[in-house]
Amino acid sequence: MLKVGIIRCQQTEDMCPGNTDFKVAAEGKMAFENSGPVEIVGFVSCGGCPGKRAVARAKMMVERGAEAIVIGSCISKGNPIGYPCPYLQKMKECIIKKIGPDIKIIDWTH
C-alpha cells in the first residue's frame, strides 16, 4: 500500500475537516484510482501563504515514510471556496527540488 503525505491549504482548514481526503484515500478513489487505497502518514497545512512551509513539511513526511506527496484539492482546485492557490506551481517546484524527483507528487485528492 502506497504511503502518502497530504498538504492542505491553511486558509481553508477551518471550513474543511479533511474527511473527504481521508475517505477517497482509504477507498482508492478519485486521485488514488491508479494506486488503489493508500495509507496517509501525514496530513499538514502549507503553513499559510505563500506556502513556504510546505517544502519542509513535505521533506519531513518523506523522512517519516511518505512515498508520495499529495497536494490537497483545496490548494490545486480551490475546494471548497473555488479559489485555487496562486502559489501552487512555485510550491510544487520547491517541494520537488527539496525531496527529489523520485518521490511522486499527486496534484489533487478529490
PDB file of N, CA and C in Angstrom:
ATOM      1  N   MET A   1       0.851  -1.174   0.000  1.00  0.00           N
ATOM      2  CA  MET A   1       0.000   0.000   0.000  1.00  0.00           C
ATOM      3  C   MET A   1       0.897   1.237   0.000  1.00  0.00           C
ATOM      4  N   LEU A   2       0.599   2.147  -0.911  1.00  0.00           N
ATOM      5  CA  LEU A   2       1.343   3.397  -1.030  1.00  0.00           C
ATOM      6  C   LEU A   2       1.110   4.258   0.206  1.00  0.00           C
ATOM      7  N   LYS A   3       2.197   4.832   0.727  1.00  0.00           N
ATOM      8  CA  LYS A   3       2.109   5.736   1.872  1.00  0.00           C
ATOM      9  C   LYS A   3       2.234   7.162   1.365  1.00  0.00           C
ATOM     10  N   VAL A   4       1.274   8.007   1.760  1.00  0.00           N
ATOM     11  CA  VAL A   4       1.257   9.383   1.267  1.00  0.00           C
ATOM     12  C   VAL A   4       1.206  10.386   2.404  1.00  0.00           C
ATOM     13  N   GLY A   5       1.714  11.564   2.110  1.00  0.00           N
ATOM     14  CA  GLY A   5       1.574  12.710   2.984  1.00  0.00           C
ATOM     15  C   GLY A   5       0.769  13.752   2.236  1.00  0.00           C
ATOM     16  N   ILE A   6      -0.246  14.286   2.866  1.00  0.00           N
ATOM     17  CA  ILE A   6      -1.114  15.270   2.218  1.00  0.00           C
ATOM     18  C   ILE A   6      -0.830  16.660   2.777  1.00  0.00           C
ATOM     19  N   ILE A   7      -0.693  17.616   1.856  1.00  0.00           N
ATOM     20  CA  ILE A   7      -0.524  19.019   2.228  1.00  0.00           C
ATOM     21  C   ILE A   7      -1.811  19.748   1.850  1.00  0.00           C
ATOM     22  N   ARG A   8      -2.386  20.408   2.824  1.00  0.00           N
ATOM     23  CA  ARG A   8      -3.645  21.122   2.601  1.00  0.00           C
ATOM     24  C   ARG A   8      -3.442  22.622   2.752  1.00  0.00           C
ATOM     25  N   CYS A   9      -4.436  23.391   2.343  1.00  0.00           N
ATOM     26  CA  CYS A   9      -4.397  24.845   2.447  1.00  0.00           C
ATOM     27  C   CYS A   9      -4.743  25.298   3.857  1.00  0.00           C
ATOM     28  N   GLN A  10      -3.886  26.101   4.439  1.00  0.00           N
ATOM     29  CA  GLN A  10      -4.163  26.609   5.775  1.00  0.00           C
ATOM     30  C   GLN A  10      -5.352  27.568   5.775  1.00  0.00           C
ATOM     31  N   GLN A  11      -5.560  28.261   4.668  1.00  0.00           N
ATOM     32  CA  GLN A  11      -6.654  29.241   4.594  1.00  0.00           C
ATOM     33  C   GLN A  11      -8.033  28.598   4.621  1.00  0.00           C
ATOM     34  N   THR A  12      -8.123  27.324   4.239  1.00  0.00           N
ATOM     35  CA  THR A  12      -9.438  26.680   4.191  1.00  0.00           C
ATOM     36  C   THR A  12      -9.621  25.606   5.252  1.00  0.00           C
ATOM     37  N   GLU A  13      -8.637  25.379   6.102  1.00  0.00           N
ATOM     38  CA  GLU A  13      -8.753  24.289   7.062  1.00  0.00           C
ATOM     39  C   GLU A  13      -9.876  24.502   8.080  1.00  0.00           C
ATOM     40  N   ASP A  14     -10.296  25.733   8.299  1.00  0.00           N
ATOM     41  CA  ASP A  14     -11.408  25.961   9.218  1.00  0.00           C
ATOM     42  C   ASP A  14     -12.766  25.678   8.563  1.00  0.00           C
ATOM     43  N   MET A  15     -12.781  25.497   7.234  1.00  0.00           N
ATOM     44  CA  MET A  15     -14.012  25.182   6.513  1.00  0.00           C
ATOM     45  C   MET A  15     -14.095  23.720   6.113  1.00  0.00           C
ATOM     46  N   CYS A  16     -12.974  22.997   6.234  1.00  0.00           N
ATOM     47  CA  CYS A  16     -12.922  21.620   5.751  1.00  0.00           C
ATOM     48  C   CYS A  16     -12.111  20.767   6.715  1.00  0.00           C
ATOM     49  N   PRO A  17     -12.732  19.752   7.301  1.00  0.00           N
ATOM     50  CA  PRO A  17     -12.008  18.894   8.236  1.00  0.00           C
ATOM     51  C   PRO A  17     -11.147  17.834   7.552  1.00  0.00           C
ATOM     52  N   GLY A  18     -11.191  17.764   6.227  1.00  0.00           N
ATOM     53  CA  GLY A  18     -10.369  16.798   5.503  1.00  0.00           C
ATOM     54  C   GLY A  18     -10.982  15.422   5.369  1.00  0.00           C
ATOM     55  N   ASN A  19     -12.234  15.259   5.804  1.00  0.00           N
ATOM     56  CA  ASN A  19     -12.832  13.921   5.787  1.00  0.00           C
ATOM     57  C   ASN A  19     -12.935  13.327   4.390  1.00  0.00           C
ATOM     58  N   THR A  20     -13.165  14.136   3.372  1.00  0.00           N
ATOM     59  CA  THR A  20     -13.225  13.595   2.006  1.00  0.00           C
ATOM     60  C   THR A  20     -11.853  13.118   1.561  1.00  0.00           C
ATOM     61  N   ASP A  21     -10.792  13.807   1.950  1.00  0.00           N
ATOM     62  CA  ASP A  21      -9.431  13.369   1.639  1.00  0.00           C
ATOM     63  C   ASP A  21      -9.179  11.980   2.217  1.00  0.00           C
ATOM     64  N   PHE A  22      -9.539  11.805   3.480  1.00  0.00           N
ATOM     65  CA  PHE A  22      -9.338  10.513   4.144  1.00  0.00           C
ATOM     66  C   PHE A  22     -10.190   9.423   3.501  1.00  0.00           C
ATOM     67  N   LYS A  23     -11.413   9.766   3.137  1.00  0.00           N
ATOM     68  CA  LYS A  23     -12.323   8.786   2.550  1.00  0.00           C
ATOM     69  C   LYS A  23     -11.830   8.298   1.188  1.00  0.00           C
ATOM     70  N   VAL A  24     -11.488   9.225   0.286  1.00  0.00           N
ATOM     71  CA  VAL A  24     -11.054   8.798  -1.046  1.00  0.00           C
ATOM     72  C   VAL A  24      -9.708   8.080  -0.985  1.00  0.00           C
ATOM     73  N   ALA A  25      -8.865   8.442  -0.027  1.00  0.00           N
ATOM     74  CA  ALA A  25      -7.579   7.757   0.134  1.00  0.00           C
ATOM     75  C   ALA A  25      -7.797   6.318   0.590  1.00  0.00           C
ATOM     76  N   ALA A  26      -8.665   6.128   1.568  1.00  0.00           N
ATOM     77  CA  ALA A  26      -8.937   4.784   2.101  1.00  0.00           C
ATOM     78  C   ALA A  26      -9.617   3.886   1.075  1.00  0.00           C
ATOM     79  N   GLU A  27     -10.456   4.494   0.235  1.00  0.00           N
ATOM     80  CA  GLU A  27     -11.196   3.726  -0.765  1.00  0.00           C
ATOM     81  C   GLU A  27     -10.445   3.578  -2.088  1.00  0.00           C
ATOM     82  N   GLY A  28      -9.352   4.321  -2.261  1.00  0.00           N
ATOM     83  CA  GLY A  28      -8.618   4.272  -3.520  1.00  0.00           C
ATOM     84  C   GLY A  28      -9.395   4.882  -4.674  1.00  0.00           C
ATOM     85  N   LYS A  29     -10.106   5.946  -4.396  1.00  0.00           N
ATOM     86  CA  LYS A  29     -10.938   6.592  -5.412  1.00  0.00           C
ATOM     87  C   LYS A  29     -10.362   7.942  -5.797  1.00  0.00           C
ATOM     88  N   MET A  30     -10.924   8.503  -6.842  1.00  0.00           N
ATOM     89  CA  MET A  30     -10.585   9.822  -7.380  1.00  0.00           C
ATOM     90  C   MET A  30      -9.083   9.896  -7.693  1.00  0.00           C
ATOM     91  N   ALA A  31      -8.319  10.720  -7.002  1.00  0.00           N
ATOM     92  CA  ALA A  31      -6.887  10.849  -7.307  1.00  0.00           C
ATOM     93  C   ALA A  31      -6.104   9.580  -7.025  1.00  0.00           C
ATOM     94  N   PHE A  32      -6.695   8.666  -6.269  1.00  0.00           N
ATOM     95  CA  PHE A  32      -5.999   7.443  -5.875  1.00  0.00           C
ATOM     96  C   PHE A  32      -6.460   6.214  -6.663  1.00  0.00           C
ATOM     97  N   GLU A  33      -7.177   6.430  -7.762  1.00  0.00           N
ATOM     98  CA  GLU A  33      -7.662   5.307  -8.569  1.00  0.00           C
ATOM     99  C   GLU A  33      -6.518   4.475  -9.141  1.00  0.00           C
ATOM    100  N   ASN A  34      -5.421   5.098  -9.520  1.00  0.00           N
ATOM    101  CA  ASN A  34      -4.284   4.351 -10.091  1.00  0.00           C
ATOM    102  C   ASN A  34      -3.529   3.541  -9.051  1.00  0.00           C
ATOM    103  N   SER A  35      -3.476   4.035  -7.832  1.00  0.00           N
ATOM    104  CA  SER A  35      -2.708   3.348  -6.787  1.00  0.00           C
ATOM    105  C   SER A  35      -3.562   2.408  -5.948  1.00  0.00           C
ATOM    106  N   GLY A  36      -4.864   2.626  -5.939  1.00  0.00           N
ATOM    107  CA  GLY A  36      -5.725   1.893  -5.026  1.00  0.00           C
ATOM    108  C   GLY A  36      -5.662   2.558  -3.662  1.00  0.00           C
ATOM    109  N   PRO A  37      -6.221   1.921  -2.650  1.00  0.00           N
ATOM    110  CA  PRO A  37      -6.208   2.529  -1.318  1.00  0.00           C
ATOM    111  C   PRO A  37      -4.782   2.880  -0.873  1.00  0.00           C
ATOM    112  N   VAL A  38      -4.666   4.010  -0.200  1.00  0.00           N
ATOM    113  CA  VAL A  38      -3.365   4.467   0.290  1.00  0.00           C
ATOM    114  C   VAL A  38      -3.433   4.683   1.793  1.00  0.00           C
ATOM    115  N   GLU A  39      -2.270   4.663   2.399  1.00  0.00           N
ATOM    116  CA  GLU A  39      -2.159   4.964   3.828  1.00  0.00           C
ATOM    117  C   GLU A  39      -1.672   6.397   3.978  1.00  0.00           C
ATOM    118  N   ILE A  40      -2.394   7.195   4.731  1.00  0.00           N
ATOM    119  CA  ILE A  40      -1.981   8.574   4.990  1.00  0.00           C
ATOM    120  C   ILE A  40      -1.041   8.568   6.193  1.00  0.00           C
ATOM    121  N   VAL A  41       0.205   8.997   5.970  1.00  0.00           N
ATOM    122  CA  VAL A  41       1.186   9.027   7.053  1.00  0.00           C
ATOM    123  C   VAL A  41       1.385  10.429   7.615  1.00  0.00           C
ATOM    124  N   GLY A  42       0.781  11.417   6.952  1.00  0.00           N
ATOM    125  CA  GLY A  42       0.858  12.788   7.432  1.00  0.00           C
ATOM    126  C   GLY A  42      -0.193  13.634   6.751  1.00  0.00           C
ATOM    127  N   PHE A  43      -0.755  14.586   7.489  1.00  0.00           N
ATOM    128  CA  PHE A  43      -1.795  15.479   6.986  1.00  0.00           C
ATOM    129  C   PHE A  43      -1.516  16.838   7.583  1.00  0.00           C
ATOM    130  N   VAL A  44      -0.883  17.719   6.805  1.00  0.00           N
ATOM    131  CA  VAL A  44      -0.413  19.004   7.322  1.00  0.00           C
ATOM    132  C   VAL A  44      -0.897  20.138   6.426  1.00  0.00           C
ATOM    133  N   SER A  45      -0.816  21.355   6.940  1.00  0.00           N
ATOM    134  CA  SER A  45      -1.146  22.516   6.114  1.00  0.00           C
ATOM    135  C   SER A  45       0.127  23.018   5.436  1.00  0.00           C
ATOM    136  N   CYS A  46      -0.074  23.888   4.493  1.00  0.00           N
ATOM    137  CA  CYS A  46       1.049  24.503   3.780  1.00  0.00           C
ATOM    138  C   CYS A  46       1.785  25.507   4.662  1.00  0.00           C
ATOM    139  N   GLY A  47       1.152  25.882   5.769  1.00  0.00           N
ATOM    140  CA  GLY A  47       1.749  26.867   6.664  1.00  0.00           C
ATOM    141  C   GLY A  47       1.271  28.274   6.402  1.00  0.00           C
ATOM    142  N   GLY A  48       0.413  28.434   5.437  1.00  0.00           N
ATOM    143  CA  GLY A  48      -0.093  29.764   5.086  1.00  0.00           C
ATOM    144  C   GLY A  48       0.646  30.339   3.892  1.00  0.00           C
ATOM    145  N   CYS A  49       0.043  31.314   3.278  1.00  0.00           N
ATOM    146  CA  CYS A  49       0.610  31.934   2.074  1.00  0.00           C
ATOM    147  C   CYS A  49       1.975  32.549   2.386  1.00  0.00           C
ATOM    148  N   PRO A  50       2.924  32.343   1.488  1.00  0.00           N
ATOM    149  CA  PRO A  50       2.853  31.745   0.150  1.00  0.00           C
ATOM    150  C   PRO A  50       3.177  30.249   0.093  1.00  0.00           C
ATOM    151  N   GLY A  51       3.083  29.548   1.184  1.00  0.00           N
ATOM    152  CA  GLY A  51       3.282  28.096   1.172  1.00  0.00           C
ATOM    153  C   GLY A  51       4.709  27.636   1.367  1.00  0.00           C
ATOM    154  N   LYS A  52       5.575  28.498   1.861  1.00  0.00           N
ATOM    155  CA  LYS A  52       6.985  28.128   2.044  1.00  0.00           C
ATOM    156  C   LYS A  52       7.170  26.962   3.009  1.00  0.00           C
ATOM    157  N   ARG A  53       6.326  26.865   4.023  1.00  0.00           N
ATOM    158  CA  ARG A  53       6.476  25.776   4.993  1.00  0.00           C
ATOM    159  C   ARG A  53       6.123  24.419   4.403  1.00  0.00           C
ATOM    160  N   ALA A  54       5.417  24.410   3.295  1.00  0.00           N
ATOM    161  CA  ALA A  54       5.054  23.146   2.639  1.00  0.00           C
ATOM    162  C   ALA A  54       6.302  22.361   2.240  1.00  0.00           C
ATOM    163  N   VAL A  55       7.365  23.044   1.913  1.00  0.00           N
ATOM    164  CA  VAL A  55       8.602  22.394   1.477  1.00  0.00           C
ATOM    165  C   VAL A  55       9.211  21.567   2.609  1.00  0.00           C
ATOM    166  N   ALA A  56       9.418  22.182   3.751  1.00  0.00           N
ATOM    167  CA  ALA A  56       9.984  21.464   4.894  1.00  0.00           C
ATOM    168  C   ALA A  56       9.028  20.386   5.398  1.00  0.00           C
ATOM    169  N   ARG A  57       7.741  20.653   5.332  1.00  0.00           N
ATOM    170  CA  ARG A  57       6.763  19.667   5.793  1.00  0.00           C
ATOM    171  C   ARG A  57       6.706  18.461   4.862  1.00  0.00           C
ATOM    172  N   ALA A  58       6.852  18.684   3.569  1.00  0.00           N
ATOM    173  CA  ALA A  58       6.910  17.561   2.619  1.00  0.00           C
ATOM    174  C   ALA A  58       8.141  16.709   2.902  1.00  0.00           C
ATOM    175  N   LYS A  59       9.279  17.357   3.120  1.00  0.00           N
ATOM    176  CA  LYS A  59      10.513  16.621   3.429  1.00  0.00           C
ATOM    177  C   LYS A  59      10.356  15.811   4.709  1.00  0.00           C
ATOM    178  N   MET A  60       9.748  16.401   5.720  1.00  0.00           N
ATOM    179  CA  MET A  60       9.532  15.704   6.987  1.00  0.00           C
ATOM    180  C   MET A  60       8.651  14.465   6.784  1.00  0.00           C
ATOM    181  N   MET A  61       7.598  14.594   5.976  1.00  0.00           N
ATOM    182  CA  MET A  61       6.720  13.446   5.756  1.00  0.00           C
ATOM    183  C   MET A  61       7.432  12.339   4.985  1.00  0.00           C
ATOM    184  N   VAL A  62       8.296  12.711   4.044  1.00  0.00           N
ATOM    185  CA  VAL A  62       9.086  11.712   3.317  1.00  0.00           C
ATOM    186  C   VAL A  62      10.035  11.008   4.287  1.00  0.00           C
ATOM    187  N   GLU A  63      10.669  11.769   5.151  1.00  0.00           N
ATOM    188  CA  GLU A  63      11.561  11.174   6.149  1.00  0.00           C
ATOM    189  C   GLU A  63      10.825  10.229   7.095  1.00  0.00           C
ATOM    190  N   ARG A  64       9.529  10.437   7.241  1.00  0.00           N
ATOM    191  CA  ARG A  64       8.710   9.600   8.124  1.00  0.00           C
ATOM    192  C   ARG A  64       7.921   8.541   7.359  1.00  0.00           C
ATOM    193  N   GLY A  65       8.314   8.305   6.106  1.00  0.00           N
ATOM    194  CA  GLY A  65       7.748   7.178   5.379  1.00  0.00           C
ATOM    195  C   GLY A  65       6.871   7.468   4.184  1.00  0.00           C
ATOM    196  N   ALA A  66       6.542   8.712   3.903  1.00  0.00           N
ATOM    197  CA  ALA A  66       5.703   9.008   2.742  1.00  0.00           C
ATOM    198  C   ALA A  66       6.450   8.660   1.450  1.00  0.00           C
ATOM    199  N   GLU A  67       5.774   7.950   0.583  1.00  0.00           N
ATOM    200  CA  GLU A  67       6.323   7.586  -0.729  1.00  0.00           C
ATOM    201  C   GLU A  67       5.797   8.509  -1.817  1.00  0.00           C
ATOM    202  N   ALA A  68       4.818   9.312  -1.481  1.00  0.00           N
ATOM    203  CA  ALA A  68       4.256  10.310  -2.390  1.00  0.00           C
ATOM    204  C   ALA A  68       3.750  11.479  -1.564  1.00  0.00           C
ATOM    205  N   ILE A  69       3.800  12.653  -2.160  1.00  0.00           N
ATOM    206  CA  ILE A  69       3.250  13.847  -1.536  1.00  0.00           C
ATOM    207  C   ILE A  69       2.032  14.249  -2.352  1.00  0.00           C
ATOM    208  N   VAL A  70       0.943  14.482  -1.649  1.00  0.00           N
ATOM    209  CA  VAL A  70      -0.313  14.839  -2.299  1.00  0.00           C
ATOM    210  C   VAL A  70      -0.636  16.294  -1.983  1.00  0.00           C
ATOM    211  N   ILE A  71      -0.893  17.060  -3.023  1.00  0.00           N
ATOM    212  CA  ILE A  71      -1.325  18.443  -2.859  1.00  0.00           C
ATOM    213  C   ILE A  71      -2.851  18.402  -2.779  1.00  0.00           C
ATOM    214  N   GLY A  72      -3.405  18.809  -1.668  1.00  0.00           N
ATOM    215  CA  GLY A  72      -4.850  18.756  -1.483  1.00  0.00           C
ATOM    216  C   GLY A  72      -5.604  19.554  -2.528  1.00  0.00           C
ATOM    217  N   SER A  73      -6.816  19.118  -2.798  1.00  0.00           N
ATOM    218  CA  SER A  73      -7.662  19.812  -3.773  1.00  0.00           C
ATOM    219  C   SER A  73      -7.995  21.232  -3.334  1.00  0.00           C
ATOM    220  N   CYS A  74      -7.893  21.506  -2.052  1.00  0.00           N
ATOM    221  CA  CYS A  74      -8.097  22.877  -1.583  1.00  0.00           C
ATOM    222  C   CYS A  74      -7.026  23.804  -2.157  1.00  0.00           C
ATOM    223  N   ILE A  75      -5.842  23.271  -2.395  1.00  0.00           N
ATOM    224  CA  ILE A  75      -4.763  24.062  -2.986  1.00  0.00           C
ATOM    225  C   ILE A  75      -4.883  24.065  -4.505  1.00  0.00           C
ATOM    226  N   SER A  76      -4.972  22.887  -5.108  1.00  0.00           N
ATOM    227  CA  SER A  76      -4.927  22.800  -6.567  1.00  0.00           C
ATOM    228  C   SER A  76      -6.227  23.159  -7.279  1.00  0.00           C
ATOM    229  N   LYS A  77      -7.367  22.844  -6.652  1.00  0.00           N
ATOM    230  CA  LYS A  77      -8.668  23.124  -7.278  1.00  0.00           C
ATOM    231  C   LYS A  77      -9.445  24.240  -6.584  1.00  0.00           C
ATOM    232  N   GLY A  78      -8.988  24.625  -5.409  1.00  0.00           N
ATOM    233  CA  GLY A  78      -9.674  25.685  -4.685  1.00  0.00           C
ATOM    234  C   GLY A  78     -10.874  25.227  -3.879  1.00  0.00           C
ATOM    235  N   ASN A  79     -11.020  23.909  -3.697  1.00  0.00           N
ATOM    236  CA  ASN A  79     -12.142  23.406  -2.886  1.00  0.00           C
ATOM    237  C   ASN A  79     -11.966  23.868  -1.445  1.00  0.00           C
ATOM    238  N   PRO A  80     -12.937  24.270  -0.714  1.00  0.00           N
ATOM    239  CA  PRO A  80     -14.352  24.370  -1.066  1.00  0.00           C
ATOM    240  C   PRO A  80     -14.775  25.756  -1.531  1.00  0.00           C
ATOM    241  N   ILE A  81     -13.848  26.702  -1.616  1.00  0.00           N
ATOM    242  CA  ILE A  81     -14.259  28.083  -1.903  1.00  0.00           C
ATOM    243  C   ILE A  81     -14.099  28.491  -3.364  1.00  0.00           C
ATOM    244  N   GLY A  82     -13.550  27.603  -4.199  1.00  0.00           N
ATOM    245  CA  GLY A  82     -13.423  27.924  -5.621  1.00  0.00           C
ATOM    246  C   GLY A  82     -12.281  28.853  -5.962  1.00  0.00           C
ATOM    247  N   TYR A  83     -11.251  28.886  -5.106  1.00  0.00           N
ATOM    248  CA  TYR A  83     -10.108  29.773  -5.332  1.00  0.00           C
ATOM    249  C   TYR A  83      -8.823  28.974  -5.206  1.00  0.00           C
ATOM    250  N   PRO A  84      -8.302  28.472  -6.340  1.00  0.00           N
ATOM    251  CA  PRO A  84      -7.045  27.711  -6.290  1.00  0.00           C
ATOM    252  C   PRO A  84      -5.888  28.589  -5.800  1.00  0.00           C
ATOM    253  N   CYS A  85      -4.910  27.953  -5.226  1.00  0.00           N
ATOM    254  CA  CYS A  85      -3.758  28.675  -4.692  1.00  0.00           C
ATOM    255  C   CYS A  85      -2.923  29.296  -5.812  1.00  0.00           C
ATOM    256  N   PRO A  86      -2.663  30.592  -5.739  1.00  0.00           N
ATOM    257  CA  PRO A  86      -1.835  31.225  -6.764  1.00  0.00           C
ATOM    258  C   PRO A  86      -0.348  30.848  -6.637  1.00  0.00           C
ATOM    259  N   TYR A  87       0.025  30.204  -5.545  1.00  0.00           N
ATOM    260  CA  TYR A  87       1.411  29.810  -5.313  1.00  0.00           C
ATOM    261  C   TYR A  87       1.666  28.333  -5.616  1.00  0.00           C
ATOM    262  N   LEU A  88       0.683  27.631  -6.151  1.00  0.00           N
ATOM    263  CA  LEU A  88       0.777  26.187  -6.362  1.00  0.00           C
ATOM    264  C   LEU A  88       2.016  25.777  -7.153  1.00  0.00           C
ATOM    265  N   GLN A  89       2.232  26.353  -8.301  1.00  0.00           N
ATOM    266  CA  GLN A  89       3.351  25.916  -9.156  1.00  0.00           C
ATOM    267  C   GLN A  89       4.702  26.117  -8.484  1.00  0.00           C
ATOM    268  N   LYS A  90       4.901  27.259  -7.886  1.00  0.00           N
ATOM    269  CA  LYS A  90       6.166  27.537  -7.204  1.00  0.00           C
ATOM    270  C   LYS A  90       6.345  26.592  -6.021  1.00  0.00           C
ATOM    271  N   MET A  91       5.258  26.351  -5.274  1.00  0.00           N
ATOM    272  CA  MET A  91       5.310  25.440  -4.143  1.00  0.00           C
ATOM    273  C   MET A  91       5.728  24.045  -4.614  1.00  0.00           C
ATOM    274  N   LYS A  92       5.110  23.560  -5.689  1.00  0.00           N
ATOM    275  CA  LYS A  92       5.448  22.237  -6.234  1.00  0.00           C
ATOM    276  C   LYS A  92       6.911  22.174  -6.677  1.00  0.00           C
ATOM    277  N   GLU A  93       7.365  23.192  -7.386  1.00  0.00           N
ATOM    278  CA  GLU A  93       8.758  23.228  -7.848  1.00  0.00           C
ATOM    279  C   GLU A  93       9.725  23.135  -6.668  1.00  0.00           C
ATOM    280  N   CYS A  94       9.451  23.880  -5.621  1.00  0.00           N
ATOM    281  CA  CYS A  94      10.330  23.889  -4.454  1.00  0.00           C
ATOM    282  C   CYS A  94      10.282  22.562  -3.701  1.00  0.00           C
ATOM    283  N   ILE A  95       9.106  21.945  -3.632  1.00  0.00           N
ATOM    284  CA  ILE A  95       8.986  20.636  -2.982  1.00  0.00           C
ATOM    285  C   ILE A  95       9.797  19.602  -3.754  1.00  0.00           C
ATOM    286  N   ILE A  96       9.645  19.573  -5.063  1.00  0.00           N
ATOM    287  CA  ILE A  96      10.380  18.608  -5.890  1.00  0.00           C
ATOM    288  C   ILE A  96      11.880  18.815  -5.749  1.00  0.00           C
ATOM    289  N   LYS A  97      12.310  20.063  -5.741  1.00  0.00           N
ATOM    290  CA  LYS A  97      13.735  20.365  -5.582  1.00  0.00           C
ATOM    291  C   LYS A  97      14.253  19.847  -4.240  1.00  0.00           C
ATOM    292  N   LYS A  98      13.437  19.953  -3.197  1.00  0.00           N
ATOM    293  CA  LYS A  98      13.859  19.550  -1.852  1.00  0.00           C
ATOM    294  C   LYS A  98      13.827  18.035  -1.653  1.00  0.00           C
ATOM    295  N   ILE A  99      12.787  17.360  -2.145  1.00  0.00           N
ATOM    296  CA  ILE A  99      12.644  15.924  -1.878  1.00  0.00           C
ATOM    297  C   ILE A  99      13.163  15.045  -3.007  1.00  0.00           C
ATOM    298  N   GLY A 100      13.438  15.641  -4.154  1.00  0.00           N
ATOM    299  CA  GLY A 100      13.961  14.877  -5.282  1.00  0.00           C
ATOM    300  C   GLY A 100      12.869  14.379  -6.205  1.00  0.00           C
ATOM    301  N   PRO A 101      13.266  14.009  -7.420  1.00  0.00           N
ATOM    302  CA  PRO A 101      12.297  13.611  -8.443  1.00  0.00           C
ATOM    303  C   PRO A 101      11.754  12.189  -8.268  1.00  0.00           C
ATOM    304  N   ASP A 102      12.327  11.411  -7.358  1.00  0.00           N
ATOM    305  CA  ASP A 102      11.878  10.028  -7.183  1.00  0.00           C
ATOM    306  C   ASP A 102      10.608   9.901  -6.354  1.00  0.00           C
ATOM    307  N   ILE A 103      10.268  10.930  -5.609  1.00  0.00           N
ATOM    308  CA  ILE A 103       9.038  10.920  -4.804  1.00  0.00           C
ATOM    309  C   ILE A 103       7.919  11.480  -5.675  1.00  0.00           C
ATOM    310  N   LYS A 104       6.881  10.702  -5.820  1.00  0.00           N
ATOM    311  CA  LYS A 104       5.755  11.098  -6.662  1.00  0.00           C
ATOM    312  C   LYS A 104       4.990  12.262  -6.030  1.00  0.00           C
ATOM    313  N   ILE A 105       4.537  13.177  -6.885  1.00  0.00           N
ATOM    314  CA  ILE A 105       3.668  14.275  -6.468  1.00  0.00           C
ATOM    315  C   ILE A 105       2.304  14.043  -7.104  1.00  0.00           C
ATOM    316  N   ILE A 106       1.275  14.030  -6.294  1.00  0.00           N
ATOM    317  CA  ILE A 106      -0.098  13.896  -6.783  1.00  0.00           C
ATOM    318  C   ILE A 106      -0.752  15.265  -6.597  1.00  0.00           C
ATOM    319  N   ASP A 107      -1.327  15.792  -7.661  1.00  0.00           N
ATOM    320  CA  ASP A 107      -1.785  17.180  -7.684  1.00  0.00           C
ATOM    321  C   ASP A 107      -3.158  17.461  -7.072  1.00  0.00           C
ATOM    322  N   TRP A 108      -3.850  16.449  -6.599  1.00  0.00           N
ATOM    323  CA  TRP A 108      -5.187  16.689  -6.073  1.00  0.00           C
ATOM    324  C   TRP A 108      -5.632  15.484  -5.252  1.00  0.00           C
ATOM    325  N   THR A 109      -6.744  15.593  -4.582  1.00  0.00           N
ATOM    326  CA  THR A 109      -7.276  14.469  -3.820  1.00  0.00           C
ATOM    327  C   THR A 109      -8.678  14.111  -4.312  1.00  0.00           C
ATOM    328  N   HIS A 110      -9.557  15.094  -4.358  1.00  0.00           N
ATOM    329  CA  HIS A 110     -10.951  14.825  -4.754  1.00  0.00           C
ATOM    330  C   HIS A 110     -11.528  15.967  -5.566  1.00  0.00           C
TER     331      HIS A 110
END
